[in-house]
Amino acid sequence: VTLQFFISRKIVKDVEVRRVVKKISEDYRTSVPVVDDLVADVNKKISFMLLEIRKASSEANGESYWCLVNNHSDEAAQLSGAYKLPEIELFKKIIEEIVTQEPTKHRTFGTLGSKDALNL
């Protein structure tokens, strides 16, 4: 349940995490665990997927936040941090267009003109 909570959200305030952990404990009639201990336990179980739940403090307001992070530094993970979501979506559309379009009289297979790319 805890992992699903973090997967479904990007960044979560510490107070929200504590509220959810308390609610889960009440629902399952268990004692409320220490959040840091619970997260450490979950991190042990998901480490083989190169994922980790981390806590950080905001420089702007000092509040603590939690998020699920990818510990694998592959090209896709590096690009996802360098580009905004609309840019990544456009890139995906361009690649899809290049791969799926049939060659025509004016276009060879595996190409996409700049005007066609701008019209995506």
Protein backbone atom coordinates (compact mmCIF):
# COMPACT_ATOMS: atom_id res chain seq x y z
CA VAL A 1 0.00 0.00 0.00
CA THR A 2 2.79 2.43 0.86
CA LEU A 3 4.56 1.93 -2.47
CA GLN A 4 1.30 2.43 -4.39
CA PHE A 5 0.82 5.72 -2.57
CA PHE A 6 4.21 7.02 -3.71
CA ILE A 7 3.82 5.71 -7.26
CA SER A 8 0.51 7.52 -7.66
CA ARG A 9 1.97 10.88 -6.60
CA LYS A 10 5.08 12.76 -7.63
CA ILE A 11 5.96 14.70 -4.50
CA VAL A 12 4.17 14.40 -1.16
CA LYS A 13 4.38 16.61 1.92
CA ASP A 14 5.67 14.87 5.02
CA VAL A 15 2.46 15.66 6.92
CA GLU A 16 0.42 13.94 4.19
CA VAL A 17 2.63 10.83 4.34
CA ARG A 18 2.21 10.67 8.11
CA ARG A 19 -1.57 11.06 7.76
CA VAL A 20 -1.77 8.24 5.22
CA VAL A 21 0.44 5.92 7.29
CA LYS A 22 -1.76 6.58 10.33
CA LYS A 23 -4.91 5.90 8.29
CA ILE A 24 -3.50 2.63 6.92
CA SER A 25 -2.56 1.56 10.44
CA GLU A 26 -6.08 2.31 11.65
CA ASP A 27 -7.66 0.44 8.73
CA TYR A 28 -5.52 -2.65 9.36
CA ARG A 29 -5.73 -2.27 13.15
CA THR A 30 -1.98 -2.19 13.62
CA SER A 31 0.23 0.13 15.61
CA VAL A 32 1.37 3.25 13.76
CA PRO A 33 4.93 2.68 12.55
CA VAL A 34 7.64 5.32 12.53
CA VAL A 35 7.49 6.70 9.00
CA ASP A 36 11.26 6.64 8.52
CA ASP A 37 11.37 2.96 9.57
CA LEU A 38 8.48 2.09 7.26
CA VAL A 39 10.15 3.85 4.33
CA ALA A 40 13.47 2.12 5.07
CA ASP A 41 11.66 -1.24 4.99
CA VAL A 42 9.97 -0.41 1.68
CA ASN A 43 13.28 0.81 0.24
CA LYS A 44 14.92 -2.54 1.06
CA LYS A 45 12.15 -4.33 -0.82
CA ILE A 46 12.28 -2.12 -3.92
CA SER A 47 16.04 -1.63 -4.18
CA PHE A 48 16.32 -4.43 -6.77
CA MET A 49 14.19 -2.23 -9.11
CA LEU A 50 16.67 0.62 -8.61
CA LEU A 51 13.96 2.72 -6.92
CA GLU A 52 14.03 4.52 -3.60
CA ILE A 53 11.69 6.68 -1.56
CA ARG A 54 13.57 9.78 -0.43
CA LYS A 55 12.86 12.67 1.89
CA ALA A 56 14.08 16.22 1.27
CA SER A 57 13.43 19.67 2.66
CA SER A 58 12.25 22.58 0.55
CA GLU A 59 14.71 25.44 0.38
CA ALA A 60 11.79 27.82 -0.12
CA ASN A 61 9.67 26.98 2.94
CA GLY A 62 11.63 24.42 4.97
CA GLU A 63 8.86 21.80 4.71
CA SER A 64 9.79 18.14 4.27
CA TYR A 65 8.67 16.24 1.19
CA TRP A 66 8.87 12.61 0.06
CA CYS A 67 9.13 11.22 -3.47
CA LEU A 68 9.89 8.01 -5.32
CA VAL A 69 13.12 8.31 -7.31
CA ASN A 70 14.90 6.29 -9.96
CA ASN A 71 18.43 5.34 -8.90
CA HIS A 72 19.38 4.08 -12.37
CA SER A 73 21.19 6.67 -14.43
CA ASP A 74 20.42 5.56 -18.00
CA GLU A 75 20.00 7.89 -20.98
CA ALA A 76 16.20 7.98 -20.72
CA ALA A 77 16.33 8.93 -17.04
CA GLN A 78 18.88 11.65 -17.75
CA LEU A 79 16.80 13.10 -20.60
CA SER A 80 13.62 13.14 -18.54
CA GLY A 81 15.20 15.62 -16.15
CA ALA A 82 16.59 17.84 -18.89
CA TYR A 83 13.37 18.32 -20.84
CA LYS A 84 9.87 19.40 -19.88
CA LEU A 85 6.94 17.00 -20.36
CA PRO A 86 5.61 18.72 -23.54
CA GLU A 87 9.09 18.48 -25.09
CA ILE A 88 9.30 14.77 -24.28
CA GLU A 89 5.81 14.21 -25.72
CA LEU A 90 6.78 16.01 -28.94
CA PHE A 91 9.94 13.92 -29.19
CA LYS A 92 7.87 10.72 -28.81
CA LYS A 93 5.45 11.90 -31.53
CA ILE A 94 8.32 12.69 -33.90
CA ILE A 95 9.88 9.26 -33.37
CA GLU A 96 6.50 7.55 -33.82
CA GLU A 97 5.87 9.50 -37.03
CA ILE A 98 9.30 8.57 -38.42
CA VAL A 99 8.82 4.88 -37.63
CA THR A 100 5.20 4.44 -38.71
CA GLN A 101 4.95 6.53 -41.89
CA GLU A 102 5.19 4.85 -45.27
CA PRO A 103 7.60 6.28 -47.84
CA THR A 104 6.05 8.65 -50.37
CA LYS A 105 7.13 10.35 -53.55
CA HIS A 106 8.52 13.24 -51.49
CA ARG A 107 9.72 11.37 -48.42
CA THR A 108 11.93 8.32 -47.94
CA PHE A 109 11.37 5.75 -45.20
CA GLY A 110 12.75 6.80 -41.79
CA THR A 111 12.64 10.54 -42.40
CA LEU A 112 10.46 13.43 -41.33
CA GLY A 113 10.59 16.92 -42.75
CA SER A 114 10.91 19.88 -40.40
CA LYS A 115 7.52 21.27 -41.53
CA ASP A 116 5.85 17.92 -40.79
CA ALA A 117 7.53 17.80 -37.37
CA LEU A 118 6.34 21.31 -36.53
CA ASN A 119 2.77 20.34 -37.45
CA LEU A 120 2.63 17.48 -34.95
